[in-house]
Amino acid sequence: MLGAGRASEYAAWWNTGLQSVDFDSTSVLATTVYQSPTYSWLMNNTDRDISGVQSGNIDLTGLTGFTGFNNLRSARIVNFYFPSSVWNSAAADNVVVVTAQDLRDGVTTYPLQVQVSLDTAGAIKQLRFAAIFLSFTDAGGATLPGTHTQYTDTWLTVVSLSAETSSVFTSWAGGAQGSNTQATRVAVYNSATGVLIVKSDAWRNSTTSSPAWPTLSTITNPLPMETGDPWNVDWSAYNQAGYNTRIAGSWTALGTMFDPLTETNTSWRTALPTETIGNAQSWINVQFSHYQDAGNVTPKFYGNASGQDLYSESSNRVIQWDVVDQAAFDAGYSDTIIIKDSS
């Protein structure tokens, strides 16, 4: 985690007012939808990483009673934007960006992550999104077709999912189950148009992986974000290389899932996804919508909790940026490079 400091007083709050949707009609046949307020954050590999607020908790009461619950189910949504100014000339790199919501039980770490790499295929470089399902063993992933420069300056929504059966996935292409226990899907969409760019289906064995998939019902409730507790969540987003990358939110569910190929609630590819999507119940829904300025302290800036999940925190904070002044914050913050739904 980047820090655990809390401000006792706030220099400013920006968490009032209703969220709104404005329509900018470009023709009678095409409409662009702007959700407001929303913003994005430009990560680098020095001082603009993001971490969760350690005083937060996730209320897992009734977890096994959620509609569609199964211990092996999960859903993760992350939005990425790769600026052409740095990515068009980027060199191949194994892992460039990591977005994580890792479970820890004090001894074992169960990594739940989406990682971005820039792979080389012949003469071209390709973007690959790896999905880590609580274990680095049998991780899933999807590689975007064509050169990576086709996808710069474009918002991409990455959805990673798991379930105990492939029957919950439309157009399953991951083959037969065999001795495996968990069906996984990684799908990448153009956030604005809703076009599916690529999907990858695969089976993995959740019992022989290391570590094996945990029993969710035995996790401490409420589940703290505080490092060092018997169980805790380590939420983070960081850039391991020098290729600045934007993100705009992260949505996570364990025990429930949805299939983006058939789900009619398409808020999952917007800046402000709803708490439940299909049968999936969000544990933590980090929406880049409102933030707080905590004054002359470090951390100075916090992202507000969405209220659209199982997460809560006494000061309504969910993420933090360890930047010391307004100029440093402004270097990462943008309310113009944002997700827009033009479908």
Protein backbone atom coordinates (compact mmCIF):
# COMPACT_ATOMS: atom_id res chain seq x y z
CA MET A 1 0.00 0.00 0.00
CA LEU A 2 1.22 3.54 -0.64
CA GLY A 3 0.38 4.93 2.75
CA ALA A 4 -2.05 4.86 5.64
CA GLY A 5 -2.15 8.51 6.66
CA ARG A 6 -5.56 10.03 7.35
CA ALA A 7 -6.44 13.71 7.57
CA SER A 8 -8.44 14.76 10.61
CA GLU A 9 -9.83 17.77 8.79
CA TYR A 10 -10.71 18.32 5.15
CA ALA A 11 -9.78 21.42 3.23
CA ALA A 12 -12.55 20.67 0.75
CA TRP A 13 -15.23 18.16 -0.04
CA TRP A 14 -16.42 17.50 -3.55
CA ASN A 15 -19.02 14.83 -2.96
CA THR A 16 -22.30 16.66 -3.17
CA GLY A 17 -24.84 16.93 -5.89
CA LEU A 18 -26.56 14.42 -8.07
CA GLN A 19 -24.78 12.61 -10.84
CA SER A 20 -26.15 13.46 -14.25
CA VAL A 21 -26.14 12.28 -17.81
CA ASP A 22 -25.85 14.81 -20.62
CA PHE A 23 -26.65 13.96 -24.23
CA ASP A 24 -24.67 15.50 -27.06
CA SER A 25 -26.58 14.55 -30.20
CA THR A 26 -24.43 14.44 -33.31
CA SER A 27 -27.20 13.25 -35.64
CA VAL A 28 -30.61 11.70 -35.51
CA LEU A 29 -29.01 8.26 -35.65
CA ALA A 30 -26.00 8.56 -33.32
CA THR A 31 -25.85 9.87 -29.77
CA THR A 32 -22.88 10.24 -27.45
CA VAL A 33 -23.62 9.89 -23.74
CA TYR A 34 -21.42 11.74 -21.25
CA GLN A 35 -21.69 10.70 -17.62
CA SER A 36 -20.91 13.55 -15.30
CA PRO A 37 -18.91 14.08 -13.23
CA THR A 38 -16.25 11.56 -14.26
CA TYR A 39 -12.49 11.66 -14.60
CA SER A 40 -9.52 9.48 -15.42
CA TRP A 41 -6.09 9.11 -13.84
CA LEU A 42 -2.76 8.95 -15.66
CA MET A 43 -0.44 6.49 -13.91
CA ASN A 44 3.32 6.56 -14.28
CA ASN A 45 6.00 4.46 -12.60
CA THR A 46 7.21 7.02 -10.09
CA ASP A 47 4.62 9.00 -8.15
CA ARG A 48 1.11 8.50 -9.54
CA ASP A 49 0.20 4.99 -8.44
CA ILE A 50 -3.07 4.37 -6.60
CA SER A 51 -3.83 2.40 -3.46
CA GLY A 52 -6.90 1.53 -1.45
CA VAL A 53 -7.78 3.35 1.77
CA GLN A 54 -6.84 1.07 4.64
CA SER A 55 -9.65 2.20 6.92
CA GLY A 56 -12.30 0.80 4.54
CA ASN A 57 -14.26 -2.43 4.95
CA ILE A 58 -16.33 -4.74 2.74
CA ASP A 59 -19.53 -6.12 4.30
CA LEU A 60 -19.90 -9.76 3.23
CA THR A 61 -23.08 -10.44 5.22
CA GLY A 62 -25.37 -12.68 3.17
CA LEU A 63 -22.63 -13.52 0.66
CA THR A 64 -23.67 -17.13 0.12
CA GLY A 65 -27.27 -16.03 -0.29
CA PHE A 66 -26.61 -13.70 -3.22
CA THR A 67 -28.47 -14.70 -6.38
CA GLY A 68 -26.32 -17.02 -8.47
CA PHE A 69 -23.69 -17.46 -5.77
CA ASN A 70 -21.02 -20.10 -6.30
CA ASN A 71 -17.67 -20.14 -4.55
CA LEU A 72 -15.75 -20.30 -7.87
CA ARG A 73 -17.43 -17.34 -9.54
CA SER A 74 -15.88 -13.93 -10.03
CA ALA A 75 -16.11 -10.82 -12.20
CA ARG A 76 -13.63 -8.01 -12.70
CA ILE A 77 -13.96 -4.88 -14.85
CA VAL A 78 -11.14 -2.40 -15.52
CA ASN A 79 -10.99 0.48 -18.03
CA PHE A 80 -7.70 1.39 -19.75
CA TYR A 81 -6.53 4.17 -22.07
CA PHE A 82 -3.10 4.08 -23.72
CA PRO A 83 -1.89 7.56 -24.80
CA SER A 84 -0.36 7.47 -28.27
CA SER A 85 2.26 10.02 -27.22
CA VAL A 86 4.04 7.34 -25.19
CA TRP A 87 2.57 4.04 -26.34
CA ASN A 88 3.08 4.35 -30.10
CA SER A 89 6.84 4.19 -29.55
CA ALA A 90 6.77 1.81 -26.58
CA ALA A 91 9.11 -1.17 -26.53
CA ALA A 92 7.91 -4.69 -25.72
CA ASP A 93 7.60 -5.29 -21.99
CA ASN A 94 6.39 -8.33 -20.03
CA VAL A 95 4.24 -6.43 -17.52
CA VAL A 96 3.54 -2.72 -17.93
CA VAL A 97 0.42 -2.07 -15.84
CA VAL A 98 -1.08 -3.95 -12.88
CA THR A 99 -4.53 -3.43 -11.36
CA ALA A 100 -5.00 -5.61 -8.32
CA GLN A 101 -7.51 -6.51 -5.66
CA ASP A 102 -5.49 -9.18 -3.89
CA LEU A 103 -6.95 -11.14 -0.99
CA ARG A 104 -4.56 -11.89 1.87
CA ASP A 105 -5.05 -14.13 4.90
CA GLY A 106 -1.96 -12.98 6.77
CA VAL A 107 0.17 -15.76 5.26
CA THR A 108 -1.06 -16.37 1.73
CA THR A 109 -1.72 -13.86 -1.02
CA TYR A 110 -4.51 -14.66 -3.49
CA PRO A 111 -3.84 -12.36 -6.47
CA LEU A 112 -6.93 -11.08 -8.29
CA GLN A 113 -5.48 -8.91 -11.02
CA VAL A 114 -5.63 -7.63 -14.57
CA GLN A 115 -2.14 -7.09 -15.99
CA VAL A 116 -1.21 -5.38 -19.23
CA SER A 117 1.80 -6.43 -21.30
CA LEU A 118 3.15 -5.43 -24.68
CA ASP A 119 4.15 -8.61 -26.50
CA THR A 120 6.04 -9.13 -29.73
CA ALA A 121 4.47 -11.26 -32.46
CA GLY A 122 6.72 -11.36 -35.49
CA ALA A 123 7.25 -7.78 -36.62
CA ILE A 124 4.42 -6.26 -34.59
CA LYS A 125 3.78 -5.46 -30.96
CA GLN A 126 0.46 -6.48 -29.44
CA LEU A 127 -1.43 -5.58 -26.28
CA ARG A 128 -2.20 -8.50 -23.99
CA PHE A 129 -4.46 -8.48 -20.95
CA ALA A 130 -3.73 -11.23 -18.44
CA ALA A 131 -6.39 -12.15 -15.88
CA ILE A 132 -5.11 -13.56 -12.59
CA PHE A 133 -7.81 -15.58 -10.79
CA LEU A 134 -6.60 -15.63 -7.16
CA SER A 135 -3.54 -17.60 -8.29
CA PHE A 136 -0.81 -17.07 -10.86
CA THR A 137 -1.28 -20.72 -11.91
CA ASP A 138 -3.38 -21.17 -15.07
CA ALA A 139 -3.92 -17.45 -15.52
CA GLY A 140 -6.16 -16.47 -18.42
CA GLY A 141 -5.55 -13.81 -20.99
CA ALA A 142 -6.53 -12.19 -24.27
CA THR A 143 -4.30 -10.63 -26.93
CA LEU A 144 -5.71 -7.88 -29.12
CA PRO A 145 -5.46 -8.58 -32.85
CA GLY A 146 -3.14 -6.42 -34.93
CA THR A 147 -0.60 -3.90 -33.80
CA HIS A 148 -1.04 -2.15 -30.46
CA THR A 149 -1.13 1.29 -32.12
CA GLN A 150 -4.65 0.47 -33.38
CA TYR A 151 -5.86 0.83 -29.80
CA THR A 152 -4.07 3.92 -28.50
CA ASP A 153 -6.10 6.99 -27.54
CA THR A 154 -9.12 4.70 -27.11
CA TRP A 155 -10.90 3.53 -23.98
CA LEU A 156 -10.87 -0.25 -23.63
CA THR A 157 -12.98 -2.16 -21.11
CA VAL A 158 -11.47 -5.45 -19.93
CA VAL A 159 -13.80 -7.99 -18.32
CA SER A 160 -12.41 -11.10 -16.62
CA LEU A 161 -14.80 -13.76 -15.31
CA SER A 162 -14.83 -17.20 -13.76
CA ALA A 163 -17.45 -19.81 -12.89
CA GLU A 164 -17.81 -23.43 -11.88
CA THR A 165 -19.34 -24.30 -15.25
CA SER A 166 -18.97 -23.13 -18.83
CA SER A 167 -22.75 -23.31 -19.32
CA VAL A 168 -23.14 -19.77 -17.93
CA PHE A 169 -21.08 -18.35 -20.82
CA THR A 170 -22.64 -17.71 -24.23
CA SER A 171 -20.63 -18.96 -27.22
CA TRP A 172 -18.17 -20.85 -25.05
CA ALA A 173 -14.98 -21.64 -26.98
CA GLY A 174 -12.76 -23.03 -24.23
CA GLY A 175 -13.21 -26.70 -24.98
CA ALA A 176 -14.20 -29.55 -22.69
CA GLN A 177 -13.87 -29.41 -18.92
CA GLY A 178 -11.90 -32.59 -18.42
CA SER A 179 -10.48 -32.68 -14.88
CA ASN A 180 -10.59 -28.90 -14.56
CA THR A 181 -12.86 -27.09 -12.12
CA GLN A 182 -13.19 -23.47 -13.24
CA ALA A 183 -14.24 -21.92 -16.54
CA THR A 184 -12.78 -18.49 -17.29
CA ARG A 185 -13.42 -15.78 -19.85
CA VAL A 186 -11.45 -12.64 -20.68
CA ALA A 187 -13.16 -10.18 -23.03
CA VAL A 188 -11.97 -6.79 -24.28
CA TYR A 189 -14.41 -4.19 -25.62
CA ASN A 190 -14.26 -0.78 -27.19
CA SER A 191 -15.83 1.14 -24.31
CA ALA A 192 -17.52 3.76 -26.50
CA THR A 193 -18.98 1.57 -29.23
CA GLY A 194 -19.53 -1.64 -27.29
CA VAL A 195 -17.77 -3.65 -29.98
CA LEU A 196 -16.20 -6.87 -28.73
CA ILE A 197 -12.57 -6.77 -29.88
CA VAL A 198 -11.49 -10.17 -28.60
CA LYS A 199 -12.49 -12.83 -26.10
CA SER A 200 -10.60 -15.81 -24.75
CA ASP A 201 -12.20 -18.78 -22.97
CA ALA A 202 -10.25 -21.36 -21.01
CA TRP A 203 -10.50 -23.94 -18.26
CA ARG A 204 -8.29 -23.93 -15.18
CA ASN A 205 -8.02 -26.16 -12.12
CA SER A 206 -8.77 -24.11 -9.02
CA THR A 207 -7.84 -26.94 -6.64
CA THR A 208 -4.39 -27.77 -7.99
CA SER A 209 -3.38 -24.14 -8.54
CA SER A 210 -0.98 -22.58 -6.08
CA PRO A 211 -2.51 -21.23 -4.00
CA ALA A 212 -5.79 -23.09 -4.39
CA TRP A 213 -8.93 -20.97 -4.68
CA PRO A 214 -10.05 -20.03 -1.13
CA THR A 215 -13.41 -20.70 0.47
CA LEU A 216 -15.06 -17.29 0.32
CA SER A 217 -17.49 -18.00 3.17
CA THR A 218 -14.58 -18.33 5.62
CA ILE A 219 -13.18 -14.88 4.91
CA THR A 220 -13.31 -12.40 7.78
CA ASN A 221 -16.49 -10.29 7.78
CA PRO A 222 -16.36 -7.37 7.44
CA LEU A 223 -13.35 -7.75 5.16
CA PRO A 224 -10.88 -4.95 5.94
CA MET A 225 -8.58 -3.08 3.59
CA GLU A 226 -6.10 -2.79 6.47
CA THR A 227 -2.82 -4.57 5.77
CA GLY A 228 -1.90 -7.03 8.51
CA ASP A 229 -5.39 -8.16 9.52
CA PRO A 230 -6.16 -11.92 9.47
CA TRP A 231 -7.87 -11.31 6.14
CA ASN A 232 -7.61 -8.14 4.13
CA VAL A 233 -7.83 -6.75 0.58
CA ASP A 234 -4.90 -4.97 -1.05
CA TRP A 235 -6.45 -2.76 -3.76
CA SER A 236 -3.90 -1.07 -5.99
CA ALA A 237 -3.19 0.14 -9.51
CA TYR A 238 0.32 0.87 -10.65
CA ASN A 239 2.57 1.20 -13.66
CA GLN A 240 5.72 -0.92 -13.67
CA ALA A 241 7.24 0.63 -16.81
CA GLY A 242 7.65 4.14 -18.09
CA TYR A 243 4.60 4.09 -20.37
CA ASN A 244 2.01 6.33 -18.76
CA THR A 245 -1.43 4.69 -18.82
CA ARG A 246 -4.86 6.00 -17.86
CA ILE A 247 -7.46 4.07 -15.91
CA ALA A 248 -11.02 5.03 -15.06
CA GLY A 249 -12.47 2.75 -12.45
CA SER A 250 -12.40 -0.84 -11.29
CA TRP A 251 -15.34 -3.11 -10.41
CA THR A 252 -14.95 -6.44 -8.60
CA ALA A 253 -17.21 -9.28 -7.49
CA LEU A 254 -16.37 -12.65 -5.95
CA GLY A 255 -18.91 -15.44 -5.64
CA THR A 256 -21.11 -14.06 -8.42
CA MET A 257 -20.57 -13.20 -12.09
CA PHE A 258 -22.23 -12.08 -15.34
CA ASP A 259 -21.59 -12.71 -19.02
CA PRO A 260 -20.90 -9.50 -20.99
CA LEU A 261 -21.89 -11.19 -24.25
CA THR A 262 -25.52 -11.38 -23.17
CA GLU A 263 -25.91 -9.00 -20.23
CA THR A 264 -28.51 -6.31 -20.96
CA ASN A 265 -27.22 -3.99 -18.23
CA THR A 266 -24.33 -2.48 -20.16
CA SER A 267 -23.24 -0.11 -17.41
CA TRP A 268 -20.18 -2.37 -17.06
CA ARG A 269 -18.56 -0.52 -19.98
CA THR A 270 -19.25 2.95 -18.63
CA ALA A 271 -17.47 5.11 -16.08
CA LEU A 272 -20.20 4.52 -13.49
CA PRO A 273 -21.23 0.84 -13.43
CA THR A 274 -24.13 -0.11 -11.20
CA GLU A 275 -23.77 -2.08 -7.97
CA THR A 276 -25.30 -5.23 -9.46
CA ILE A 277 -24.82 -6.34 -13.05
CA GLY A 278 -26.96 -9.32 -13.91
CA ASN A 279 -26.52 -11.60 -10.89
CA ALA A 280 -23.12 -10.17 -10.03
CA GLN A 281 -22.88 -8.23 -6.76
CA SER A 282 -19.98 -5.80 -6.56
CA TRP A 283 -17.75 -6.06 -3.50
CA ILE A 284 -15.91 -2.87 -4.40
CA ASN A 285 -16.94 -0.52 -7.22
CA VAL A 286 -14.28 2.16 -7.63
CA GLN A 287 -15.90 4.88 -9.70
CA PHE A 288 -13.79 7.82 -10.80
CA SER A 289 -16.50 10.39 -10.16
CA HIS A 290 -15.90 12.53 -7.05
CA TYR A 291 -12.76 13.19 -5.03
CA GLN A 292 -11.67 14.88 -1.81
CA ASP A 293 -8.86 17.33 -1.12
CA ALA A 294 -7.66 16.63 2.43
CA GLY A 295 -5.59 19.78 2.72
CA ASN A 296 -1.90 20.22 3.49
CA VAL A 297 -1.21 16.58 4.33
CA THR A 298 -0.04 13.42 2.57
CA PRO A 299 -2.04 11.71 1.17
CA LYS A 300 -3.68 14.90 -0.03
CA PHE A 301 -6.26 13.55 -2.49
CA TYR A 302 -8.77 10.71 -2.17
CA GLY A 303 -11.34 9.20 -4.50
CA ASN A 304 -14.82 9.00 -3.00
CA ALA A 305 -16.55 5.70 -2.34
CA SER A 306 -19.30 5.06 -4.88
CA GLY A 307 -21.94 3.67 -2.53
CA GLN A 308 -22.66 1.18 -5.31
CA ASP A 309 -21.10 -1.88 -3.67
CA LEU A 310 -20.51 -3.63 -0.32
CA TYR A 311 -17.72 -1.23 0.63
CA SER A 312 -17.86 1.57 3.19
CA GLU A 313 -15.44 3.91 4.92
CA SER A 314 -16.06 6.49 7.65
CA SER A 315 -14.82 9.43 5.56
CA ASN A 316 -16.36 8.16 2.32
CA ARG A 317 -12.93 7.39 0.81
CA VAL A 318 -11.98 4.40 -1.31
CA ILE A 319 -8.67 5.19 -3.05
CA GLN A 320 -5.79 7.55 -2.43
CA TRP A 321 -3.07 9.30 -4.39
CA ASP A 322 0.10 10.10 -2.49
CA VAL A 323 0.67 13.40 -4.25
CA VAL A 324 1.74 16.37 -2.20
CA ASP A 325 0.31 19.34 -4.06
CA GLN A 326 -2.26 20.47 -6.60
CA ALA A 327 0.22 20.51 -9.48
CA ALA A 328 1.11 16.87 -8.91
CA PHE A 329 -2.57 15.94 -8.80
CA ASP A 330 -3.35 17.94 -11.94
CA ALA A 331 -0.65 16.02 -13.82
CA GLY A 332 -2.63 12.81 -13.36
CA TYR A 333 -6.23 14.01 -13.28
CA SER A 334 -8.34 14.63 -16.39
CA ASP A 335 -12.06 15.34 -16.69
CA THR A 336 -11.83 15.57 -20.49
CA ILE A 337 -10.16 12.23 -21.34
CA ILE A 338 -13.10 10.22 -20.08
CA ILE A 339 -15.18 7.22 -21.08
CA LYS A 340 -18.04 8.09 -23.44
CA ASP A 341 -20.79 5.73 -24.55
CA SER A 342 -21.59 6.35 -28.21
CA SER A 343 -23.37 3.09 -28.92
